[in-house]
């Protein structure tokens, strides 16, 4: 009896060992032998169809994907395993929303696998899969760009023909994002060309090549959504930049009009230039530039915040009259330098600019970063324009003192300037990339934040912040003020030299400000092309964006 039990035990153990060996072999085939299986395609063991080489993800600072956010499906057919092509085409016809004859015509003369031309929606993909048609596999893939992608101008776009990045992060970091190891959808068969149970259809990466890497941005998708939602309601053409003043990190950057990277051909010939990132384009700044005038004057003790001036509504410079916005009402009268900034007095700032002089004023503008590209190095970023002091006459200097003439700046440069003031006079370089990571999340490279360079004294910066507070408390920026947290900044209304049908001048509207007043976290720059005035148009947009950001 004991002998019989031992015999049963040995037989059972023997069969368990066989089953275990078979399971281990299957696991080995599935998980450990992928590259070996791939190499066997040459001997007819795998029938594969190449698919697009994978591209790394672009994510916001919190790991939220800005690319590959939407799924789409496609059917891949292996004619070698389809006995009745006509029947298969008929089965796919209604689900793929395509005529059976059209599908049948897609079958190649050879037995090479091919992708069905028509993409499938999620429901159709599920139904096709449930049919279990021989030789048909449904593959789900992430669309590079969703139907309502965030930060389109930051992310940029790729050339669909070669999968190479063209603009934005896609273009700047193309070599990082683009893998080079081919990927295939394959039917894995045995020596008798029968599909191997447990393997069947599989996605494989074959051969050598670089794996795609991911890029983590400084962008905060929650803030980006707020910015874009407000812009969609209030801005037809323009830009908004949100920056962390202490670090230079760009938390949001948006441009309007927007574009859909899935349908680029629809935007190439549009007069509104939707592919242009207006946050990096150059415009006359108008009175926002008065902050540079004030900084240079205060820094050189040419003026103090409480110094008194008289504004008659105009100023004559070499027989050329420059009018203030209040010319028709006789000017602003007596006011301090702080009030001159608050009410945006052209005569006072022209007088101050002439006192500073062209050479010194241009030097300060360069210190703040005007006239040169930032270290962001985005393709298409404009350097703007600063006039050469040696070529300037008194009238040119007067124009420069109110942000007009040949002067051009970008919204990003304005954000850097304002961040410098908010950051107690220390200028930090703007940044949009935090780090590069491998697919498994391992950090490959981190980008350190700028150490910063002192541009103006802490005293001057403190004076400017108090003056900007008066802009929102009593001046042209009252529409930007935020109850509780507070806000400070400067309006700008830049003449374009163009006129509407009624003969009124067409202007660009600016507001550059920060919030909260104590321990400021956000510098927000708003530009509205053809926006008429910074006071009436840009300042309320700043308020709408800042209020929502502070609530989150």
Protein backbone atom coordinates (compact mmCIF):
# COMPACT_ATOMS: atom_id res chain seq x y z
CA UNK A 1 0.00 0.00 0.00
CA UNK A 2 2.77 2.41 0.93
CA UNK A 3 4.59 1.47 -2.28
CA UNK A 4 1.44 2.23 -4.32
CA UNK A 5 1.03 5.67 -2.70
CA UNK A 6 4.67 6.53 -3.39
CA UNK A 7 4.23 5.49 -7.02
CA UNK A 8 1.16 7.76 -7.40
CA UNK A 9 3.11 10.58 -5.75
CA UNK A 10 6.04 10.18 -8.18
CA UNK A 11 3.75 10.11 -11.23
CA UNK A 12 1.93 13.23 -10.04
CA UNK A 13 5.20 15.02 -9.39
CA UNK A 14 6.45 14.02 -12.85
CA UNK A 15 3.41 15.55 -14.56
CA UNK A 16 3.65 18.69 -12.43
CA UNK A 17 7.25 19.12 -13.52
CA UNK A 18 6.26 18.74 -17.18
CA UNK A 19 3.46 21.32 -16.85
CA UNK A 20 5.80 23.70 -15.02
CA UNK A 21 8.41 23.31 -17.74
CA UNK A 22 5.84 24.07 -20.43
CA UNK A 23 4.61 27.16 -18.59
CA UNK A 24 8.16 28.40 -18.11
CA UNK A 25 8.82 27.87 -21.80
CA UNK A 26 5.73 29.85 -22.73
CA UNK A 27 6.77 32.67 -20.40
CA UNK A 28 10.24 32.58 -21.92
CA UNK A 29 8.77 32.89 -25.40
CA UNK A 30 6.48 35.75 -24.40
CA UNK A 31 8.64 37.85 -22.13
CA UNK A 32 12.28 36.90 -22.53
CA UNK A 33 12.70 35.99 -26.18
CA UNK A 34 11.19 39.00 -27.87
CA UNK A 35 14.37 40.04 -29.65
CA UNK A 36 15.12 36.44 -30.61
CA UNK A 37 11.62 36.05 -31.99
CA UNK A 38 12.10 39.25 -33.93
CA UNK A 39 15.27 37.97 -35.53
CA UNK A 40 13.44 34.82 -36.61
CA UNK A 41 11.29 36.87 -39.00
CA UNK A 42 14.01 36.31 -41.53
CA UNK A 43 13.33 32.60 -41.43
CA UNK A 44 9.59 33.03 -41.84
CA UNK A 45 8.56 32.67 -38.19
CA UNK A 46 7.15 36.20 -37.87
CA UNK A 47 5.08 38.20 -40.35
CA UNK A 48 5.31 41.82 -39.36
CA UNK A 49 4.08 45.23 -40.38
CA UNK A 50 6.02 48.34 -39.35
CA UNK A 51 4.20 51.01 -37.39
CA UNK A 52 5.35 54.51 -36.48
CA UNK A 53 8.45 54.70 -34.33
CA UNK A 54 7.35 55.71 -30.85
CA UNK A 55 7.87 59.31 -29.73
CA UNK A 56 8.43 60.35 -26.14
CA UNK A 57 5.83 62.21 -24.15
CA UNK A 58 5.79 65.89 -23.25
CA UNK A 59 4.41 66.38 -19.74
CA UNK A 60 3.67 69.31 -17.47
CA UNK A 61 5.47 69.94 -14.16
CA UNK A 62 3.08 67.57 -12.33
CA UNK A 63 3.40 64.72 -14.82
CA UNK A 64 0.18 65.44 -16.71
CA UNK A 65 0.64 64.50 -20.38
CA UNK A 66 0.41 67.30 -22.95
CA UNK A 67 0.81 64.81 -25.80
CA UNK A 68 -0.48 61.29 -26.50
CA UNK A 69 -3.69 62.10 -24.65
CA UNK A 70 -6.29 60.63 -27.03
CA UNK A 71 -6.72 57.06 -28.27
CA UNK A 72 -7.40 56.06 -31.85
CA UNK A 73 -7.70 52.60 -33.35
CA UNK A 74 -6.77 50.95 -36.62
CA UNK A 75 -7.25 47.50 -38.09
CA UNK A 76 -4.23 45.62 -39.38
CA UNK A 77 -4.88 42.78 -41.80
CA UNK A 78 -2.68 39.75 -42.49
CA UNK A 79 -3.89 38.38 -45.87
CA UNK A 80 -1.89 35.18 -45.36
CA UNK A 81 -4.37 34.15 -42.66
CA UNK A 82 -7.54 35.44 -44.32
CA UNK A 83 -9.17 32.64 -46.30
CA UNK A 84 -12.14 34.65 -47.58
CA UNK A 85 -11.15 38.25 -48.32
CA UNK A 86 -14.61 39.19 -49.60
CA UNK A 87 -16.34 37.93 -46.46
CA UNK A 88 -13.81 39.71 -44.25
CA UNK A 89 -14.32 42.96 -46.18
CA UNK A 90 -18.09 42.65 -45.75
CA UNK A 91 -17.72 42.06 -42.01
CA UNK A 92 -15.53 45.16 -41.64
CA UNK A 93 -17.60 47.35 -43.95
CA UNK A 94 -20.31 48.60 -41.60
CA UNK A 95 -17.98 48.89 -38.61
CA UNK A 96 -15.30 50.81 -40.50
CA UNK A 97 -17.91 52.98 -42.25
CA UNK A 98 -16.38 51.99 -45.57
CA UNK A 99 -17.75 50.12 -48.59
CA UNK A 100 -16.80 46.46 -48.79
CA UNK A 101 -15.54 47.03 -52.34
CA UNK A 102 -13.23 49.79 -51.12
CA UNK A 103 -11.82 47.59 -48.36
CA UNK A 104 -11.39 44.71 -50.77
CA UNK A 105 -9.47 46.99 -53.12
CA UNK A 106 -6.99 47.73 -50.34
CA UNK A 107 -5.81 44.13 -50.23
CA UNK A 108 -2.36 43.98 -51.84
CA UNK A 109 -1.46 41.55 -54.59
CA UNK A 110 1.00 39.92 -52.20
CA UNK A 111 0.28 38.52 -48.75
CA UNK A 112 2.07 41.34 -46.94
CA UNK A 113 0.16 42.75 -43.95
CA UNK A 114 -1.39 46.20 -44.33
CA UNK A 115 -3.29 48.78 -42.34
CA UNK A 116 -6.91 49.52 -43.17
CA UNK A 117 -7.12 53.07 -44.48
CA UNK A 118 -10.10 54.06 -42.32
CA UNK A 119 -9.50 54.57 -38.61
CA UNK A 120 -11.94 53.05 -36.12
CA UNK A 121 -13.65 54.72 -33.22
CA UNK A 122 -13.63 53.02 -29.83
CA UNK A 123 -17.00 51.28 -30.30
CA UNK A 124 -16.14 49.99 -33.78
CA UNK A 125 -12.76 48.79 -32.55
CA UNK A 126 -14.42 46.81 -29.76
CA UNK A 127 -16.89 45.22 -32.18
CA UNK A 128 -14.19 44.28 -34.70
CA UNK A 129 -12.15 42.68 -31.93
CA UNK A 130 -15.19 40.72 -30.72
CA UNK A 131 -15.70 39.23 -34.20
CA UNK A 132 -12.31 37.51 -33.92
CA UNK A 133 -11.87 37.60 -37.67
CA UNK A 134 -8.94 35.43 -38.77
CA UNK A 135 -6.01 37.59 -39.84
CA UNK A 136 -7.46 40.83 -38.42
CA UNK A 137 -6.05 42.62 -35.39
CA UNK A 138 -7.15 45.93 -33.86
CA UNK A 139 -4.36 48.12 -32.54
CA UNK A 140 -4.99 51.03 -30.19
CA UNK A 141 -2.53 53.91 -30.30
CA UNK A 142 -2.21 57.26 -28.63
CA UNK A 143 -2.77 60.22 -30.92
CA UNK A 144 0.17 62.58 -30.70
CA UNK A 145 -2.18 65.51 -30.30
CA UNK A 146 -5.64 65.41 -28.77
CA UNK A 147 -8.62 67.23 -30.20
CA UNK A 148 -8.30 70.05 -27.67
CA UNK A 149 -4.60 70.05 -26.90
CA UNK A 150 -3.23 72.41 -24.27
CA UNK A 151 -0.25 74.66 -24.88
CA UNK A 152 -0.18 74.03 -28.63
CA UNK A 153 2.38 76.75 -29.30
CA UNK A 154 4.65 75.50 -26.52
CA UNK A 155 4.41 71.83 -27.48
CA UNK A 156 4.70 72.62 -31.20
CA UNK A 157 4.10 70.05 -33.90
CA UNK A 158 5.78 67.35 -35.98
CA UNK A 159 6.03 66.71 -39.69
CA UNK A 160 3.74 63.72 -40.19
CA UNK A 161 5.74 62.62 -43.23
CA UNK A 162 8.94 61.86 -41.30
CA UNK A 163 7.80 62.13 -37.65
CA UNK A 164 10.35 64.90 -37.01
CA UNK A 165 9.66 67.85 -34.73
CA UNK A 166 9.22 71.20 -36.46
CA UNK A 167 8.34 73.81 -33.84
CA UNK A 168 8.11 74.34 -30.09
CA UNK A 169 9.38 71.62 -27.77
CA UNK A 170 8.83 69.07 -30.54
CA UNK A 171 11.38 70.91 -32.67
CA UNK A 172 13.84 71.96 -29.95
CA UNK A 173 14.11 68.48 -28.46
CA UNK A 174 13.39 66.33 -31.50
CA UNK A 175 16.47 64.14 -31.02
CA UNK A 176 15.44 63.45 -27.41
CA UNK A 177 11.80 62.68 -28.13
CA UNK A 178 12.25 60.65 -31.29
CA UNK A 179 13.20 57.00 -30.85
CA UNK A 180 14.98 55.09 -33.60
CA UNK A 181 14.18 51.49 -32.70
CA UNK A 182 11.62 50.10 -35.20
CA UNK A 183 8.30 48.83 -33.88
CA UNK A 184 6.11 46.25 -35.57
CA UNK A 185 2.76 44.55 -35.27
CA UNK A 186 3.49 40.88 -35.93
CA UNK A 187 1.78 37.53 -36.35
CA UNK A 188 3.98 34.91 -34.67
CA UNK A 189 3.77 31.43 -36.17
CA UNK A 190 5.44 28.07 -35.74
CA UNK A 191 7.40 26.12 -38.33
CA UNK A 192 4.13 25.02 -39.90
CA UNK A 193 3.01 28.65 -40.22
CA UNK A 194 0.36 28.15 -37.58
CA UNK A 195 -0.17 30.95 -35.06
CA UNK A 196 1.56 30.02 -31.81
CA UNK A 197 -1.03 29.63 -29.01
CA UNK A 198 -0.52 32.26 -26.32
CA UNK A 199 1.42 34.57 -28.63
CA UNK A 200 -0.73 35.10 -31.73
CA UNK A 201 -0.47 38.77 -32.63
CA UNK A 202 2.07 40.89 -30.79
CA UNK A 203 3.78 44.27 -30.87
CA UNK A 204 7.53 43.96 -31.08
CA UNK A 205 10.49 46.30 -31.16
CA UNK A 206 13.17 44.83 -33.35
CA UNK A 207 16.83 45.51 -33.80
CA UNK A 208 18.93 48.23 -32.26
CA UNK A 209 18.20 51.90 -31.81
CA UNK A 210 17.49 54.60 -29.26
CA UNK A 211 14.41 54.46 -27.08
CA UNK A 212 12.31 57.67 -26.98
CA UNK A 213 12.67 59.85 -23.90
CA UNK A 214 10.17 62.11 -22.17
CA UNK A 215 10.37 65.82 -21.39
CA UNK A 216 8.99 67.39 -18.20
CA UNK A 217 8.11 71.06 -18.64
CA UNK A 218 7.72 73.92 -16.17
CA UNK A 219 4.18 74.44 -17.48
CA UNK A 220 1.35 73.90 -15.00
CA UNK A 221 -1.55 72.46 -16.99
CA UNK A 222 -4.11 73.79 -14.49
CA UNK A 223 -2.85 77.36 -14.93
CA UNK A 224 -2.52 76.80 -18.68
CA UNK A 225 -6.20 75.77 -18.84
CA UNK A 226 -7.26 78.89 -16.97
CA UNK A 227 -5.26 81.10 -19.31
CA UNK A 228 -6.55 79.45 -22.47
CA UNK A 229 -10.18 79.44 -21.32
CA UNK A 230 -10.06 83.18 -20.61
CA UNK A 231 -8.27 83.86 -23.89
CA UNK A 232 -10.86 81.91 -25.87
CA UNK A 233 -13.53 84.19 -24.42
CA UNK A 234 -11.71 87.51 -24.63
CA UNK A 235 -8.79 87.47 -27.08
CA UNK A 236 -8.97 86.96 -30.84
CA UNK A 237 -5.31 87.76 -31.43
CA UNK A 238 -2.74 88.05 -28.69
CA UNK A 239 -0.69 86.27 -26.06
CA UNK A 240 -0.43 85.60 -22.33
CA UNK A 241 2.65 84.58 -20.33
CA UNK A 242 2.54 83.47 -16.68
CA UNK A 243 5.93 83.26 -14.94
CA UNK A 244 7.19 82.44 -11.45
CA UNK A 245 9.24 85.61 -10.74
CA UNK A 246 11.65 84.05 -8.26
CA UNK A 247 12.74 81.24 -10.59
CA UNK A 248 11.92 82.30 -14.14
CA UNK A 249 9.81 79.17 -14.67
CA UNK A 250 7.10 79.63 -17.27
CA UNK A 251 3.87 78.29 -15.77
CA UNK A 252 1.72 79.09 -18.80
CA UNK A 253 2.25 80.45 -22.28
CA UNK A 254 -0.52 80.76 -24.83
CA UNK A 255 -1.11 82.44 -28.16
CA UNK A 256 -4.25 83.18 -30.13
CA UNK A 257 -5.48 82.31 -32.68
CA UNK A 258 -4.84 78.67 -31.86
CA UNK A 259 -4.31 75.70 -34.18
CA UNK A 260 -5.03 71.97 -34.31
CA UNK A 261 -1.79 70.05 -34.86
CA UNK A 262 -3.79 67.18 -36.36
CA UNK A 263 -4.85 69.36 -39.30
CA UNK A 264 -1.97 71.74 -39.95
CA UNK A 265 -2.79 72.21 -43.63
CA UNK A 266 -5.90 74.15 -42.59
CA UNK A 267 -3.76 76.87 -41.01
CA UNK A 268 -0.79 77.35 -43.31
CA UNK A 269 -2.30 80.05 -45.53
CA UNK A 270 -4.40 81.92 -42.98
CA UNK A 271 -3.80 85.68 -42.74
CA UNK A 272 -4.14 85.53 -38.95
CA UNK A 273 -0.94 83.41 -38.68
CA UNK A 274 -2.26 80.92 -36.10
CA UNK A 275 0.98 78.91 -36.13
CA UNK A 276 2.94 81.93 -34.85
CA UNK A 277 3.62 82.01 -31.12
CA UNK A 278 2.72 85.61 -30.33
CA UNK A 279 4.28 85.34 -26.88
CA UNK A 280 7.62 85.28 -28.70
CA UNK A 281 6.77 87.84 -31.40
CA UNK A 282 7.83 91.50 -31.28
CA UNK A 283 5.45 94.43 -30.76
CA UNK A 284 5.70 98.07 -29.68
CA UNK A 285 5.19 98.02 -25.89
CA UNK A 286 3.66 101.43 -25.34
CA UNK A 287 3.59 102.65 -21.76
CA UNK A 288 4.65 99.31 -20.24
CA UNK A 289 8.16 100.44 -21.22
CA UNK A 290 7.84 103.37 -18.80
CA UNK A 291 8.96 100.91 -16.12
CA UNK A 292 12.41 100.88 -17.77
CA UNK A 293 12.44 104.70 -17.84
CA UNK A 294 11.48 104.81 -14.17
CA UNK A 295 14.09 102.19 -13.23
CA UNK A 296 16.91 104.06 -14.99
CA UNK A 297 15.87 107.41 -13.50
CA UNK A 298 15.50 106.09 -9.95
CA UNK A 299 18.69 104.07 -10.11
CA UNK A 300 20.69 107.15 -11.12
CA UNK A 301 19.01 109.48 -8.61
CA UNK A 302 17.65 111.63 -11.43
CA UNK A 303 14.21 111.52 -9.90
CA UNK A 304 12.49 110.33 -6.72
CA UNK A 305 8.99 108.87 -6.36
CA UNK A 306 7.64 111.99 -4.60
CA UNK A 307 9.19 114.58 -6.95
CA UNK A 308 6.59 116.98 -8.37
CA UNK A 309 5.93 117.54 -12.07
CA UNK A 310 3.42 119.45 -14.17
CA UNK A 311 1.55 117.73 -17.01
CA UNK A 312 -0.17 120.20 -19.39
CA UNK A 313 -1.25 117.35 -21.69
CA UNK A 314 1.64 117.74 -24.12
CA UNK A 315 5.36 118.39 -24.44
CA UNK A 316 7.26 120.02 -27.31
CA UNK A 317 10.59 118.48 -28.31
CA UNK A 318 12.53 120.24 -31.08
CA UNK A 319 9.36 121.77 -32.53
CA UNK A 320 7.58 118.38 -32.42
CA UNK A 321 4.55 118.15 -30.16
CA UNK A 322 3.95 114.92 -28.24
CA UNK A 323 0.47 114.65 -26.79
CA UNK A 324 -0.70 112.79 -23.73
CA UNK A 325 -3.90 110.78 -23.65
CA UNK A 326 -5.45 113.64 -21.66
CA UNK A 327 -4.49 116.38 -24.15
CA UNK A 328 -8.09 117.39 -24.88
CA UNK A 329 -8.85 117.93 -21.19
CA UNK A 330 -5.81 120.08 -20.47
CA UNK A 331 -3.52 117.44 -19.02
CA UNK A 332 -3.11 115.97 -15.57
CA UNK A 333 -1.74 119.11 -13.94
CA UNK A 334 0.49 118.83 -10.88
CA UNK A 335 1.44 115.29 -9.88
CA UNK A 336 4.25 113.27 -8.33
CA UNK A 337 6.47 110.90 -10.27
CA UNK A 338 4.55 108.00 -8.69
CA UNK A 339 1.27 109.49 -9.91
CA UNK A 340 2.81 110.08 -13.34
CA UNK A 341 3.34 106.32 -13.63
CA UNK A 342 -0.08 105.56 -12.15
CA UNK A 343 -1.86 107.80 -14.68
CA UNK A 344 0.66 107.09 -17.46
CA UNK A 345 1.72 110.68 -18.13
CA UNK A 346 3.52 110.97 -21.47
CA UNK A 347 4.89 114.50 -20.89
CA UNK A 348 6.48 113.53 -17.55
CA UNK A 349 8.12 110.39 -18.93
CA UNK A 350 9.37 112.11 -22.07
CA UNK A 351 10.91 114.79 -19.86
CA UNK A 352 12.48 112.05 -17.71
CA UNK A 353 13.74 110.09 -20.71
CA UNK A 354 15.45 113.16 -22.15
CA UNK A 355 17.13 113.67 -18.79
CA UNK A 356 18.42 110.07 -18.75
CA UNK A 357 19.84 110.29 -22.27
CA UNK A 358 19.84 107.82 -25.15
CA UNK A 359 23.03 105.93 -24.30
CA UNK A 360 22.13 105.33 -20.68
CA UNK A 361 18.52 104.46 -21.46
CA UNK A 362 19.45 101.89 -24.13
CA UNK A 363 22.02 100.40 -21.74
CA UNK A 364 19.32 99.84 -19.11
CA UNK A 365 16.95 98.36 -21.67
CA UNK A 366 19.66 95.88 -22.64
CA UNK A 367 20.23 94.99 -18.99
CA UNK A 368 16.60 93.99 -18.71
CA UNK A 369 17.00 91.78 -21.78
CA UNK A 370 15.44 93.87 -24.52
CA UNK A 371 17.00 93.68 -27.96
CA UNK A 372 18.15 90.06 -27.63
CA UNK A 373 16.56 86.62 -27.44
CA UNK A 374 16.10 84.98 -24.08
CA UNK A 375 17.87 81.75 -23.18
CA UNK A 376 14.64 79.91 -23.90
CA UNK A 377 15.89 79.38 -27.46
CA UNK A 378 12.49 78.63 -29.00
CA UNK A 379 12.52 78.57 -32.77
CA UNK A 380 10.83 81.70 -34.05
CA UNK A 381 11.59 83.74 -30.93
CA UNK A 382 12.12 87.37 -31.88
CA UNK A 383 14.89 89.49 -30.41
CA UNK A 384 12.79 92.62 -30.68
CA UNK A 385 14.39 95.91 -31.60
CA UNK A 386 16.26 98.63 -29.75
CA UNK A 387 17.29 101.75 -31.65
CA UNK A 388 20.99 102.57 -31.85
CA UNK A 389 21.66 105.53 -29.53
CA UNK A 390 24.13 107.10 -31.98
CA UNK A 391 21.37 107.41 -34.59
CA UNK A 392 18.76 108.88 -32.27
CA UNK A 393 17.57 112.47 -32.30
CA UNK A 394 15.67 114.12 -29.46
CA UNK A 395 12.35 113.18 -31.06
CA UNK A 396 13.43 109.54 -31.27
CA UNK A 397 14.35 109.57 -27.58
CA UNK A 398 10.98 111.13 -26.75
CA UNK A 399 9.21 108.32 -28.62
CA UNK A 400 11.35 105.68 -26.90
CA UNK A 401 10.47 107.17 -23.50
CA UNK A 402 6.81 106.29 -24.04
CA UNK A 403 7.45 102.91 -25.65
CA UNK A 404 6.91 103.99 -29.25
CA UNK A 405 9.03 104.57 -32.36
CA UNK A 406 11.19 101.70 -33.61
CA UNK A 407 11.16 99.95 -30.21
CA UNK A 408 9.78 96.40 -30.28
CA UNK A 409 9.62 93.82 -27.48
CA UNK A 410 8.09 90.39 -26.91
CA UNK A 411 5.57 89.48 -24.19
CA UNK A 412 8.18 87.05 -22.84
CA UNK A 413 10.74 89.87 -22.53
CA UNK A 414 8.18 91.97 -20.66
CA UNK A 415 7.61 89.03 -18.30
CA UNK A 416 11.37 88.82 -17.66
CA UNK A 417 11.59 92.57 -17.01
CA UNK A 418 8.68 92.56 -14.58
CA UNK A 419 9.99 89.44 -12.83
CA UNK A 420 13.31 91.23 -12.33
CA UNK A 421 11.57 94.08 -10.52
CA UNK A 422 9.39 91.73 -8.46
CA UNK A 423 12.48 89.64 -7.64
CA UNK A 424 14.09 92.64 -5.89
CA UNK A 425 16.18 93.62 -8.92
CA UNK A 426 17.62 90.19 -9.73
CA UNK A 427 17.07 88.99 -13.28
CA UNK A 428 16.58 85.24 -13.79
CA UNK A 429 16.54 83.56 -17.18
CA UNK A 430 13.17 82.13 -18.24
CA UNK A 431 12.87 78.36 -18.46
CA UNK A 432 10.30 75.95 -19.87
CA UNK A 433 12.02 72.54 -19.45
CA UNK A 434 12.64 70.98 -16.02
CA UNK A 435 14.15 67.62 -16.90
CA UNK A 436 14.47 64.76 -19.37
CA UNK A 437 13.40 61.28 -18.30
CA UNK A 438 13.54 57.76 -19.67
CA UNK A 439 10.32 55.86 -20.35
CA UNK A 440 10.50 54.31 -16.87
CA UNK A 441 10.71 57.75 -15.23
CA UNK A 442 14.44 57.71 -14.52
CA UNK A 443 15.85 61.24 -14.71
CA UNK A 444 18.42 61.53 -17.49
CA UNK A 445 19.09 65.25 -17.20
CA UNK A 446 17.90 68.08 -14.98
CA UNK A 447 17.98 71.73 -15.97
CA UNK A 448 19.08 73.92 -13.06
CA UNK A 449 17.28 77.19 -12.51
CA UNK A 450 19.07 80.44 -13.26
CA UNK A 451 21.14 81.80 -10.38
CA UNK A 452 20.19 85.31 -11.40
CA UNK A 453 22.04 88.58 -11.99
CA UNK A 454 21.40 91.85 -10.22
CA UNK A 455 20.15 94.44 -12.70
CA UNK A 456 18.93 97.20 -10.40
CA UNK A 457 19.26 97.80 -6.67
CA UNK A 458 16.84 96.36 -4.17
CA UNK A 459 15.89 99.92 -3.21
CA UNK A 460 14.94 100.83 -6.78
CA UNK A 461 12.97 97.60 -7.16
CA UNK A 462 11.05 98.32 -3.95
CA UNK A 463 10.23 101.85 -5.16
CA UNK A 464 8.99 100.52 -8.49
CA UNK A 465 6.75 97.96 -6.79
CA UNK A 466 5.13 100.66 -4.67
CA UNK A 467 4.61 102.78 -7.77
CA UNK A 468 3.05 99.85 -9.67
CA UNK A 469 0.68 99.28 -6.77
CA UNK A 470 -0.59 102.83 -7.25
CA UNK A 471 -1.29 101.99 -10.92
CA UNK A 472 -3.85 99.40 -9.81
CA UNK A 473 -5.08 101.34 -6.78
CA UNK A 474 -5.83 104.73 -8.34
CA UNK A 475 -4.48 104.72 -11.88
CA UNK A 476 -5.00 103.23 -15.32
CA UNK A 477 -4.79 99.67 -13.99
CA UNK A 478 -7.69 99.74 -11.53
CA UNK A 479 -9.47 97.04 -13.52
CA UNK A 480 -6.59 94.68 -12.70
CA UNK A 481 -6.78 95.09 -8.94
CA UNK A 482 -7.65 91.97 -6.93
CA UNK A 483 -9.43 92.26 -3.59
CA UNK A 484 -7.64 90.47 -0.79
CA UNK A 485 -4.47 89.30 -2.52
CA UNK A 486 -3.86 92.59 -4.28
CA UNK A 487 -2.07 93.18 -7.57
CA UNK A 488 0.32 95.68 -9.12
CA UNK A 489 1.47 96.37 -12.65
CA UNK A 490 1.47 98.70 -15.62
CA UNK A 491 -0.87 99.28 -18.55
CA UNK A 492 0.27 99.94 -22.08
CA UNK A 493 -1.49 101.18 -25.20
CA UNK A 494 0.82 100.93 -28.19
CA UNK A 495 0.04 102.78 -31.40
CA UNK A 496 0.35 100.69 -34.57
CA UNK A 497 0.06 103.46 -37.16
CA UNK A 498 -3.06 101.77 -38.54
CA UNK A 499 -6.63 103.11 -38.45
CA UNK A 500 -10.08 101.56 -38.54
CA UNK A 501 -12.91 102.44 -40.90
CA UNK A 502 -13.93 105.33 -38.65
CA UNK A 503 -10.44 106.81 -38.62
CA UNK A 504 -9.66 105.76 -35.06
CA UNK A 505 -6.16 104.55 -34.32
CA UNK A 506 -5.70 100.80 -33.91
CA UNK A 507 -3.62 100.01 -30.84
CA UNK A 508 -2.18 96.98 -29.07
CA UNK A 509 -3.36 96.64 -25.48
CA UNK A 510 -0.94 95.54 -22.74
CA UNK A 511 -1.04 94.81 -19.07
CA UNK A 512 1.95 93.47 -17.18
CA UNK A 513 1.38 92.75 -13.52
CA UNK A 514 1.93 90.48 -10.57
CA UNK A 515 -0.01 88.96 -7.70
CA UNK A 516 -0.26 88.63 -4.73
CA UNK A 517 1.30 91.83 -3.42
CA UNK A 518 3.02 90.04 -0.54
CA UNK A 519 5.34 87.23 -1.62
CA UNK A 520 4.36 87.48 -5.30
CA UNK A 521 4.01 84.10 -7.01
CA UNK A 522 2.80 85.06 -10.46
CA UNK A 523 3.88 87.55 -13.07
CA UNK A 524 1.21 87.74 -15.78
CA UNK A 525 1.66 89.57 -19.08
CA UNK A 526 -1.33 90.13 -21.35
CA UNK A 527 -1.09 91.36 -24.93
CA UNK A 528 -4.17 91.93 -27.08
CA UNK A 529 -3.51 92.79 -30.71
CA UNK A 530 -5.78 95.57 -31.96
CA UNK A 531 -7.10 95.79 -28.41
CA UNK A 532 -7.59 99.56 -28.28
CA UNK A 533 -6.35 100.19 -24.71
CA UNK A 534 -4.52 98.45 -21.91
CA UNK A 535 -6.79 100.06 -19.32
CA UNK A 536 -10.08 98.87 -20.79
CA UNK A 537 -9.08 95.58 -22.43
CA UNK A 538 -5.85 94.02 -21.12
CA UNK A 539 -6.21 94.91 -17.42
CA UNK A 540 -9.59 93.14 -17.04
CA UNK A 541 -8.13 90.04 -18.71
CA UNK A 542 -5.26 90.07 -16.21
CA UNK A 543 -7.84 90.27 -13.43
CA UNK A 544 -9.86 87.34 -14.81
CA UNK A 545 -6.80 85.11 -15.14
CA UNK A 546 -5.17 86.07 -11.84
CA UNK A 547 -8.37 85.67 -9.84
CA UNK A 548 -8.88 82.11 -11.07
CA UNK A 549 -5.24 81.15 -10.55
CA UNK A 550 -5.34 82.36 -6.95
CA UNK A 551 -8.49 80.31 -6.28
CA UNK A 552 -6.96 76.97 -7.24
